């Protein structure tokens, strides 16, 4: 399997780990379908109060796995209708992750880009190691963005900063990410697992019903237009994925050269 999601419980804290060995935890179709199964289970598990989302090894998730075979890609260019259906399915998974009844913490180490950043943004809280590097990455790949990226980004950092990092993508180090409010805390890399676990245990120490109720209040305060937003995002992502520029960006990445875009 090109990508997997591991889940293990530590009392009322669950640790969810993205794992795509050798690919810096890049997102594959298997990873996203595995994530769907895990998220469904968590929605139905009243024993878990807090979920910590992390990557396996030295990276959180560097985005789509461009070297994966066609069967492991969410968008495959076989048809617009098929790509729209597949992207709609995995977008629903990320929305379900965001709407988990449990409080969620993304513990970000190393690379966190593209779809990986979308997953981190779906969490309620984010803590990063000092070696974490963030990048929206979509526009530089000839893509408009998916998995609720812009919706979550605007709510995390505000409209003006979201425009800056979405429309002019580039490396954002951990301290810059904190100054943007992209993350709440930055800790030394070797302290990240323990710091995230300690934060999760502290949150889980609160009354479970109060914690879940407070999260639902926060979700309701900002989510009124999410469902209206997502269909347009999906259509734009699929359209950009089918563009010549997106194909050129993928080829250039694999060939380790600078892409030449033509605007179509």
C-alpha atoms as a PDB file:
ATOM      1  CA  UNK A   1       0.000   0.000   0.000  1.00  0.00           C
ATOM      2  CA  UNK A   2       1.468   3.348  -1.062  1.00  0.00           C
ATOM      3  CA  UNK A   3       0.072   5.261   1.884  1.00  0.00           C
ATOM      4  CA  UNK A   4      -1.365   4.320   5.257  1.00  0.00           C
ATOM      5  CA  UNK A   5      -2.795   5.897   8.377  1.00  0.00           C
ATOM      6  CA  UNK A   6      -1.973   4.404  11.763  1.00  0.00           C
ATOM      7  CA  UNK A   7      -4.029   4.997  14.888  1.00  0.00           C
ATOM      8  CA  UNK A   8      -3.166   4.125  18.448  1.00  0.00           C
ATOM      9  CA  UNK A   9      -4.825   5.175  21.665  1.00  0.00           C
ATOM     10  CA  UNK A  10      -3.207   6.355  24.882  1.00  0.00           C
ATOM     11  CA  UNK A  11      -6.148   6.509  27.240  1.00  0.00           C
ATOM     12  CA  UNK A  12      -8.463   9.288  26.082  1.00  0.00           C
ATOM     13  CA  UNK A  13      -5.870  10.629  23.592  1.00  0.00           C
ATOM     14  CA  UNK A  14      -5.611   9.078  20.116  1.00  0.00           C
ATOM     15  CA  UNK A  15      -2.499   9.442  17.955  1.00  0.00           C
ATOM     16  CA  UNK A  16      -3.149   9.429  14.208  1.00  0.00           C
ATOM     17  CA  UNK A  17      -0.025   9.033  12.078  1.00  0.00           C
ATOM     18  CA  UNK A  18       0.262   9.630   8.326  1.00  0.00           C
ATOM     19  CA  UNK A  19       2.743   7.165   6.828  1.00  0.00           C
ATOM     20  CA  UNK A  20       4.078   6.905   3.288  1.00  0.00           C
ATOM     21  CA  UNK A  21       7.593   5.535   3.802  1.00  0.00           C
ATOM     22  CA  UNK A  22      10.262   6.933   1.530  1.00  0.00           C
ATOM     23  CA  UNK A  23       7.888   9.573   0.131  1.00  0.00           C
ATOM     24  CA  UNK A  24       7.944  12.031   3.070  1.00  0.00           C
ATOM     25  CA  UNK A  25       4.362  10.987   3.846  1.00  0.00           C
ATOM     26  CA  UNK A  26       3.087  12.323   0.522  1.00  0.00           C
ATOM     27  CA  UNK A  27      -0.656  11.932   0.037  1.00  0.00           C
ATOM     28  CA  UNK A  28      -1.880   8.934  -1.943  1.00  0.00           C
ATOM     29  CA  UNK A  29      -5.357   7.592  -2.653  1.00  0.00           C
ATOM     30  CA  UNK A  30      -4.753   4.789  -0.139  1.00  0.00           C
ATOM     31  CA  UNK A  31      -3.757   7.272   2.545  1.00  0.00           C
ATOM     32  CA  UNK A  32      -6.927   9.298   2.043  1.00  0.00           C
ATOM     33  CA  UNK A  33      -9.207   6.248   1.978  1.00  0.00           C
ATOM     34  CA  UNK A  34      -7.482   4.892   5.095  1.00  0.00           C
ATOM     35  CA  UNK A  35      -8.002   8.295   6.708  1.00  0.00           C
ATOM     36  CA  UNK A  36     -11.716   8.089   5.881  1.00  0.00           C
ATOM     37  CA  UNK A  37     -11.999   4.772   7.741  1.00  0.00           C
ATOM     38  CA  UNK A  38     -10.127   6.124  10.769  1.00  0.00           C
ATOM     39  CA  UNK A  39     -12.172   9.311  10.912  1.00  0.00           C
ATOM     40  CA  UNK A  40     -15.441   7.354  10.807  1.00  0.00           C
ATOM     41  CA  UNK A  41     -14.226   5.262  13.733  1.00  0.00           C
ATOM     42  CA  UNK A  42     -13.222   8.328  15.746  1.00  0.00           C
ATOM     43  CA  UNK A  43     -16.588   9.991  15.179  1.00  0.00           C
ATOM     44  CA  UNK A  44     -18.167   6.950  16.838  1.00  0.00           C
ATOM     45  CA  UNK A  45     -15.686   6.635  19.731  1.00  0.00           C
ATOM     46  CA  UNK A  46     -16.829   8.456  22.892  1.00  0.00           C
ATOM     47  CA  UNK A  47     -13.723   7.318  24.775  1.00  0.00           C
ATOM     48  CA  UNK A  48     -11.382   9.646  22.851  1.00  0.00           C
ATOM     49  CA  UNK A  49     -11.297  13.326  23.835  1.00  0.00           C
ATOM     50  CA  UNK A  50      -8.274  14.553  21.862  1.00  0.00           C
ATOM     51  CA  UNK A  51      -6.647  13.435  18.604  1.00  0.00           C
ATOM     52  CA  UNK A  52      -3.020  14.230  17.718  1.00  0.00           C
ATOM     53  CA  UNK A  53      -2.295  14.162  13.971  1.00  0.00           C
ATOM     54  CA  UNK A  54       1.359  13.725  12.974  1.00  0.00           C
ATOM     55  CA  UNK A  55       3.578  12.398  10.214  1.00  0.00           C
ATOM     56  CA  UNK A  56       5.737   9.297  10.362  1.00  0.00           C
ATOM     57  CA  UNK A  57       9.391  10.264  10.713  1.00  0.00           C
ATOM     58  CA  UNK A  58      10.895  13.662   9.986  1.00  0.00           C
ATOM     59  CA  UNK A  59       8.095  15.176   7.882  1.00  0.00           C
ATOM     60  CA  UNK A  60       4.414  15.840   8.423  1.00  0.00           C
ATOM     61  CA  UNK A  61       3.209  15.529   4.805  1.00  0.00           C
ATOM     62  CA  UNK A  62       4.674  17.179   1.699  1.00  0.00           C
ATOM     63  CA  UNK A  63       1.516  17.108  -0.433  1.00  0.00           C
ATOM     64  CA  UNK A  64       0.423  14.898  -3.298  1.00  0.00           C
ATOM     65  CA  UNK A  65       2.614  11.931  -4.222  1.00  0.00           C
ATOM     66  CA  UNK A  66       3.497  12.924  -7.790  1.00  0.00           C
ATOM     67  CA  UNK A  67       5.570   9.783  -8.301  1.00  0.00           C
ATOM     68  CA  UNK A  68       2.725   7.434  -7.371  1.00  0.00           C
ATOM     69  CA  UNK A  69       1.125   5.230  -9.984  1.00  0.00           C
ATOM     70  CA  UNK A  70      -2.203   6.308 -11.508  1.00  0.00           C
ATOM     71  CA  UNK A  71      -4.195   4.053  -9.185  1.00  0.00           C
ATOM     72  CA  UNK A  72      -2.802   5.918  -6.158  1.00  0.00           C
ATOM     73  CA  UNK A  73      -3.664   9.427  -7.389  1.00  0.00           C
ATOM     74  CA  UNK A  74      -6.820  11.266  -6.428  1.00  0.00           C
ATOM     75  CA  UNK A  75      -6.875  13.173  -9.730  1.00  0.00           C
ATOM     76  CA  UNK A  76      -6.055  11.047 -12.767  1.00  0.00           C
ATOM     77  CA  UNK A  77      -7.154  12.974 -15.894  1.00  0.00           C
ATOM     78  CA  UNK A  78      -9.284  10.109 -17.166  1.00  0.00           C
ATOM     79  CA  UNK A  79     -12.322  12.413 -17.143  1.00  0.00           C
ATOM     80  CA  UNK A  80     -13.494  15.601 -15.458  1.00  0.00           C
ATOM     81  CA  UNK A  81     -16.524  13.784 -14.018  1.00  0.00           C
ATOM     82  CA  UNK A  82     -14.443  10.995 -12.473  1.00  0.00           C
ATOM     83  CA  UNK A  83     -11.905  13.406 -11.010  1.00  0.00           C
ATOM     84  CA  UNK A  84     -14.689  15.556  -9.568  1.00  0.00           C
ATOM     85  CA  UNK A  85     -16.256  12.499  -7.915  1.00  0.00           C
ATOM     86  CA  UNK A  86     -12.959  11.317  -6.424  1.00  0.00           C
ATOM     87  CA  UNK A  87     -11.958  14.768  -5.170  1.00  0.00           C
ATOM     88  CA  UNK A  88     -15.423  15.281  -3.696  1.00  0.00           C
ATOM     89  CA  UNK A  89     -15.061  12.012  -1.765  1.00  0.00           C
ATOM     90  CA  UNK A  90     -11.686  12.850  -0.223  1.00  0.00           C
ATOM     91  CA  UNK A  91     -12.740  16.442   0.442  1.00  0.00           C
ATOM     92  CA  UNK A  92     -15.632  15.046   2.465  1.00  0.00           C
ATOM     93  CA  UNK A  93     -13.088  13.017   4.469  1.00  0.00           C
ATOM     94  CA  UNK A  94     -11.059  16.117   5.330  1.00  0.00           C
ATOM     95  CA  UNK A  95     -14.249  17.976   6.252  1.00  0.00           C
ATOM     96  CA  UNK A  96     -15.153  15.058   8.556  1.00  0.00           C
ATOM     97  CA  UNK A  97     -11.679  15.302  10.097  1.00  0.00           C
ATOM     98  CA  UNK A  98     -12.271  18.998  10.743  1.00  0.00           C
ATOM     99  CA  UNK A  99     -15.677  18.242  12.270  1.00  0.00           C
ATOM    100  CA  UNK A 100     -14.524  15.440  14.569  1.00  0.00           C
ATOM    101  CA  UNK A 101     -16.213  15.766  17.958  1.00  0.00           C
ATOM    102  CA  UNK A 102     -12.791  15.461  19.558  1.00  0.00           C
ATOM    103  CA  UNK A 103     -10.327  18.346  19.785  1.00  0.00           C
ATOM    104  CA  UNK A 104      -7.584  17.835  17.182  1.00  0.00           C
ATOM    105  CA  UNK A 105      -3.926  18.901  17.296  1.00  0.00           C
ATOM    106  CA  UNK A 106      -1.623  18.769  14.258  1.00  0.00           C
ATOM    107  CA  UNK A 107       1.974  18.182  15.358  1.00  0.00           C
ATOM    108  CA  UNK A 108       4.056  19.397  12.411  1.00  0.00           C
ATOM    109  CA  UNK A 109       7.684  18.463  11.859  1.00  0.00           C
ATOM    110  CA  UNK A 110       9.673  18.936   8.655  1.00  0.00           C
ATOM    111  CA  UNK A 111       7.779  19.490   5.418  1.00  0.00           C
ATOM    112  CA  UNK A 112       4.104  20.466   5.454  1.00  0.00           C
ATOM    113  CA  UNK A 113       2.930  21.511   1.995  1.00  0.00           C
ATOM    114  CA  UNK A 114      -0.011  21.417  -0.391  1.00  0.00           C
ATOM    115  CA  UNK A 115      -2.495  18.738   0.612  1.00  0.00           C
ATOM    116  CA  UNK A 116      -0.398  18.128   3.734  1.00  0.00           C
ATOM    117  CA  UNK A 117      -0.965  21.718   4.819  1.00  0.00           C
ATOM    118  CA  UNK A 118      -4.675  21.268   4.065  1.00  0.00           C
ATOM    119  CA  UNK A 119      -4.740  18.343   6.509  1.00  0.00           C
ATOM    120  CA  UNK A 120      -2.896  20.346   9.184  1.00  0.00           C
ATOM    121  CA  UNK A 121      -5.278  23.269   8.716  1.00  0.00           C
ATOM    122  CA  UNK A 122      -8.242  20.940   9.258  1.00  0.00           C
ATOM    123  CA  UNK A 123      -7.076  20.459  12.853  1.00  0.00           C
ATOM    124  CA  UNK A 124      -8.256  22.731  15.646  1.00  0.00           C
ATOM    125  CA  UNK A 125      -4.740  23.512  16.896  1.00  0.00           C
ATOM    126  CA  UNK A 126      -1.246  23.310  15.439  1.00  0.00           C
ATOM    127  CA  UNK A 127       2.141  22.926  17.111  1.00  0.00           C
ATOM    128  CA  UNK A 128       5.348  22.886  15.066  1.00  0.00           C
ATOM    129  CA  UNK A 129       8.957  21.924  15.536  1.00  0.00           C
ATOM    130  CA  UNK A 130      11.585  24.570  14.929  1.00  0.00           C
ATOM    131  CA  UNK A 131      12.553  22.678  11.762  1.00  0.00           C
ATOM    132  CA  UNK A 132       9.041  22.699  10.267  1.00  0.00           C
ATOM    133  CA  UNK A 133       8.608  24.297   6.832  1.00  0.00           C
ATOM    134  CA  UNK A 134       5.205  25.224   5.405  1.00  0.00           C
ATOM    135  CA  UNK A 135       4.160  25.975   1.824  1.00  0.00           C
ATOM    136  CA  UNK A 136       0.727  26.212   0.227  1.00  0.00           C
ATOM    137  CA  UNK A 137       2.448  25.106  -3.019  1.00  0.00           C
ATOM    138  CA  UNK A 138      -0.705  24.832  -5.153  1.00  0.00           C
ATOM    139  CA  UNK A 139      -0.324  27.862  -7.435  1.00  0.00           C
ATOM    140  CA  UNK A 140       3.337  27.098  -8.134  1.00  0.00           C
ATOM    141  CA  UNK A 141       2.173  23.657  -9.331  1.00  0.00           C
ATOM    142  CA  UNK A 142      -0.425  25.159 -11.654  1.00  0.00           C
ATOM    143  CA  UNK A 143      -3.269  24.260  -9.293  1.00  0.00           C
ATOM    144  CA  UNK A 144      -5.878  26.313  -7.445  1.00  0.00           C
ATOM    145  CA  UNK A 145      -5.977  24.273  -4.214  1.00  0.00           C
ATOM    146  CA  UNK A 146      -8.103  21.531  -2.697  1.00  0.00           C
ATOM    147  CA  UNK A 147      -9.233  19.813   0.509  1.00  0.00           C
ATOM    148  CA  UNK A 148     -10.685  23.030   1.901  1.00  0.00           C
ATOM    149  CA  UNK A 149      -7.281  24.727   1.846  1.00  0.00           C
ATOM    150  CA  UNK A 150      -8.344  28.346   1.259  1.00  0.00           C
ATOM    151  CA  UNK A 151     -11.414  28.078   3.505  1.00  0.00           C
ATOM    152  CA  UNK A 152      -9.340  26.806   6.437  1.00  0.00           C
ATOM    153  CA  UNK A 153      -6.425  29.149   5.716  1.00  0.00           C
ATOM    154  CA  UNK A 154      -8.588  32.282   5.784  1.00  0.00           C
ATOM    155  CA  UNK A 155      -9.980  31.243   9.156  1.00  0.00           C
ATOM    156  CA  UNK A 156      -6.554  30.381  10.563  1.00  0.00           C
ATOM    157  CA  UNK A 157      -4.580  33.472   9.537  1.00  0.00           C
ATOM    158  CA  UNK A 158      -7.135  36.001   8.247  1.00  0.00           C
ATOM    159  CA  UNK A 159      -8.019  37.049   4.685  1.00  0.00           C
ATOM    160  CA  UNK A 160      -5.033  39.300   3.981  1.00  0.00           C
ATOM    161  CA  UNK A 161      -2.388  36.844   5.150  1.00  0.00           C
ATOM    162  CA  UNK A 162      -4.204  33.977   3.470  1.00  0.00           C
ATOM    163  CA  UNK A 163      -4.021  35.830   0.154  1.00  0.00           C
ATOM    164  CA  UNK A 164      -0.294  36.373   0.646  1.00  0.00           C
ATOM    165  CA  UNK A 165       0.612  32.749   1.321  1.00  0.00           C
ATOM    166  CA  UNK A 166      -1.886  31.246  -1.151  1.00  0.00           C
ATOM    167  CA  UNK A 167      -1.257  33.518  -4.141  1.00  0.00           C
ATOM    168  CA  UNK A 168       2.523  33.885  -3.666  1.00  0.00           C
ATOM    169  CA  UNK A 169       3.600  30.473  -2.365  1.00  0.00           C
ATOM    170  CA  UNK A 170       7.011  29.855  -0.877  1.00  0.00           C
ATOM    171  CA  UNK A 171       8.787  28.395   2.134  1.00  0.00           C
ATOM    172  CA  UNK A 172       7.488  29.548   5.503  1.00  0.00           C
ATOM    173  CA  UNK A 173       9.700  28.588   8.424  1.00  0.00           C
ATOM    174  CA  UNK A 174       8.329  27.789  11.856  1.00  0.00           C
ATOM    175  CA  UNK A 175       8.839  31.237  13.375  1.00  0.00           C
ATOM    176  CA  UNK A 176       7.220  32.936  10.386  1.00  0.00           C
ATOM    177  CA  UNK A 177       4.362  30.443  10.639  1.00  0.00           C
ATOM    178  CA  UNK A 178       3.873  31.423  14.267  1.00  0.00           C
ATOM    179  CA  UNK A 179       3.909  35.120  13.414  1.00  0.00           C
ATOM    180  CA  UNK A 180       1.203  34.441  10.802  1.00  0.00           C
ATOM    181  CA  UNK A 181      -0.859  32.475  13.376  1.00  0.00           C
ATOM    182  CA  UNK A 182      -0.512  29.445  11.152  1.00  0.00           C
ATOM    183  CA  UNK A 183       0.724  27.578  14.244  1.00  0.00           C
ATOM    184  CA  UNK A 184       0.188  28.307  17.919  1.00  0.00           C
ATOM    185  CA  UNK A 185       3.455  27.017  19.349  1.00  0.00           C
ATOM    186  CA  UNK A 186       6.989  26.222  18.185  1.00  0.00           C
ATOM    187  CA  UNK A 187       9.245  23.823  20.093  1.00  0.00           C
ATOM    188  CA  UNK A 188      12.639  22.202  19.417  1.00  0.00           C
ATOM    189  CA  UNK A 189      12.329  19.264  17.030  1.00  0.00           C
ATOM    190  CA  UNK A 190      13.325  16.669  19.609  1.00  0.00           C
ATOM    191  CA  UNK A 191      10.639  17.960  21.974  1.00  0.00           C
ATOM    192  CA  UNK A 192       7.730  17.943  19.513  1.00  0.00           C
ATOM    193  CA  UNK A 193       6.230  14.491  20.254  1.00  0.00           C
ATOM    194  CA  UNK A 194       6.318  15.016  24.002  1.00  0.00           C
ATOM    195  CA  UNK A 195       5.066  18.606  23.771  1.00  0.00           C
ATOM    196  CA  UNK A 196       2.143  17.596  21.558  1.00  0.00           C
ATOM    197  CA  UNK A 197       1.299  14.661  23.826  1.00  0.00           C
ATOM    198  CA  UNK A 198       1.451  16.858  26.935  1.00  0.00           C
ATOM    199  CA  UNK A 199      -0.840  19.443  25.335  1.00  0.00           C
ATOM    200  CA  UNK A 200      -3.260  16.694  24.328  1.00  0.00           C
ATOM    201  CA  UNK A 201      -3.290  15.225  27.838  1.00  0.00           C
ATOM    202  CA  UNK A 202      -3.935  18.665  29.329  1.00  0.00           C
ATOM    203  CA  UNK A 203      -6.876  19.244  26.969  1.00  0.00           C
ATOM    204  CA  UNK A 204      -8.190  15.760  27.638  1.00  0.00           C
ATOM    205  CA  UNK A 205      -8.183  16.510  31.343  1.00  0.00           C
ATOM    206  CA  UNK A 206     -11.164  18.837  30.853  1.00  0.00           C
ATOM    207  CA  UNK A 207     -14.726  17.591  31.174  1.00  0.00           C
ATOM    208  CA  UNK A 208     -15.407  15.560  28.004  1.00  0.00           C
ATOM    209  CA  UNK A 209     -18.889  16.947  27.347  1.00  0.00           C
ATOM    210  CA  UNK A 210     -17.710  20.502  27.932  1.00  0.00           C
ATOM    211  CA  UNK A 211     -14.727  20.010  25.642  1.00  0.00           C
ATOM    212  CA  UNK A 212     -16.869  18.570  22.861  1.00  0.00           C
ATOM    213  CA  UNK A 213     -19.521  21.218  23.367  1.00  0.00           C
ATOM    214  CA  UNK A 214     -16.958  24.013  23.212  1.00  0.00           C
ATOM    215  CA  UNK A 215     -15.568  22.605  19.971  1.00  0.00           C
ATOM    216  CA  UNK A 216     -19.032  22.399  18.429  1.00  0.00           C
ATOM    217  CA  UNK A 217     -19.647  26.018  19.416  1.00  0.00           C
ATOM    218  CA  UNK A 218     -16.430  27.055  17.687  1.00  0.00           C
ATOM    219  CA  UNK A 219     -17.291  25.095  14.550  1.00  0.00           C
ATOM    220  CA  UNK A 220     -20.767  26.574  14.369  1.00  0.00           C
ATOM    221  CA  UNK A 221     -19.311  30.077  14.726  1.00  0.00           C
ATOM    222  CA  UNK A 222     -17.357  29.864  11.464  1.00  0.00           C
ATOM    223  CA  UNK A 223     -18.820  27.114   9.283  1.00  0.00           C
ATOM    224  CA  UNK A 224     -22.098  28.459   7.958  1.00  0.00           C
ATOM    225  CA  UNK A 225     -20.813  28.740   4.381  1.00  0.00           C
ATOM    226  CA  UNK A 226     -18.455  25.728   4.172  1.00  0.00           C
ATOM    227  CA  UNK A 227     -20.801  23.497   2.182  1.00  0.00           C
ATOM    228  CA  UNK A 228     -21.543  26.320  -0.232  1.00  0.00           C
ATOM    229  CA  UNK A 229     -17.814  26.978  -0.638  1.00  0.00           C
ATOM    230  CA  UNK A 230     -16.591  23.457  -1.382  1.00  0.00           C
ATOM    231  CA  UNK A 231     -18.301  22.640  -4.729  1.00  0.00           C
ATOM    232  CA  UNK A 232     -16.710  25.668  -6.379  1.00  0.00           C
ATOM    233  CA  UNK A 233     -13.315  24.763  -4.946  1.00  0.00           C
ATOM    234  CA  UNK A 234     -13.638  21.228  -6.293  1.00  0.00           C
ATOM    235  CA  UNK A 235     -14.599  22.438  -9.777  1.00  0.00           C
ATOM    236  CA  UNK A 236     -11.665  24.886  -9.901  1.00  0.00           C
ATOM    237  CA  UNK A 237      -9.204  22.260  -8.619  1.00  0.00           C
ATOM    238  CA  UNK A 238     -10.308  19.683 -11.197  1.00  0.00           C
ATOM    239  CA  UNK A 239     -10.214  22.281 -13.982  1.00  0.00           C
ATOM    240  CA  UNK A 240      -6.700  23.382 -13.033  1.00  0.00           C
ATOM    241  CA  UNK A 241      -5.580  19.761 -12.684  1.00  0.00           C
ATOM    242  CA  UNK A 242      -6.657  19.110 -16.266  1.00  0.00           C
ATOM    243  CA  UNK A 243      -4.687  22.121 -17.527  1.00  0.00           C
ATOM    244  CA  UNK A 244      -1.496  21.878 -19.535  1.00  0.00           C
ATOM    245  CA  UNK A 245       0.312  23.933 -16.893  1.00  0.00           C
ATOM    246  CA  UNK A 246      -0.455  21.403 -14.169  1.00  0.00           C
ATOM    247  CA  UNK A 247       0.867  18.597 -16.342  1.00  0.00           C
ATOM    248  CA  UNK A 248       3.983  20.665 -17.045  1.00  0.00           C
ATOM    249  CA  UNK A 249       4.467  21.358 -13.322  1.00  0.00           C
ATOM    250  CA  UNK A 250       4.264  17.637 -12.504  1.00  0.00           C
ATOM    251  CA  UNK A 251       6.684  16.724 -15.305  1.00  0.00           C
ATOM    252  CA  UNK A 252       9.133  19.431 -14.263  1.00  0.00           C
ATOM    253  CA  UNK A 253       9.028  18.247 -10.651  1.00  0.00           C
ATOM    254  CA  UNK A 254       9.843  14.672 -11.632  1.00  0.00           C
ATOM    255  CA  UNK A 255      12.532  15.815 -14.101  1.00  0.00           C
ATOM    256  CA  UNK A 256      14.044  18.243 -11.552  1.00  0.00           C
ATOM    257  CA  UNK A 257      13.771  21.298 -13.779  1.00  0.00           C
ATOM    258  CA  UNK A 258      11.998  24.629 -13.767  1.00  0.00           C
ATOM    259  CA  UNK A 259       8.485  24.433 -15.279  1.00  0.00           C
ATOM    260  CA  UNK A 260       7.520  26.481 -18.346  1.00  0.00           C
ATOM    261  CA  UNK A 261       3.881  27.571 -18.024  1.00  0.00           C
ATOM    262  CA  UNK A 262       1.680  28.571 -20.950  1.00  0.00           C
ATOM    263  CA  UNK A 263      -1.452  29.763 -19.149  1.00  0.00           C
ATOM    264  CA  UNK A 264      -3.825  27.002 -20.182  1.00  0.00           C
END
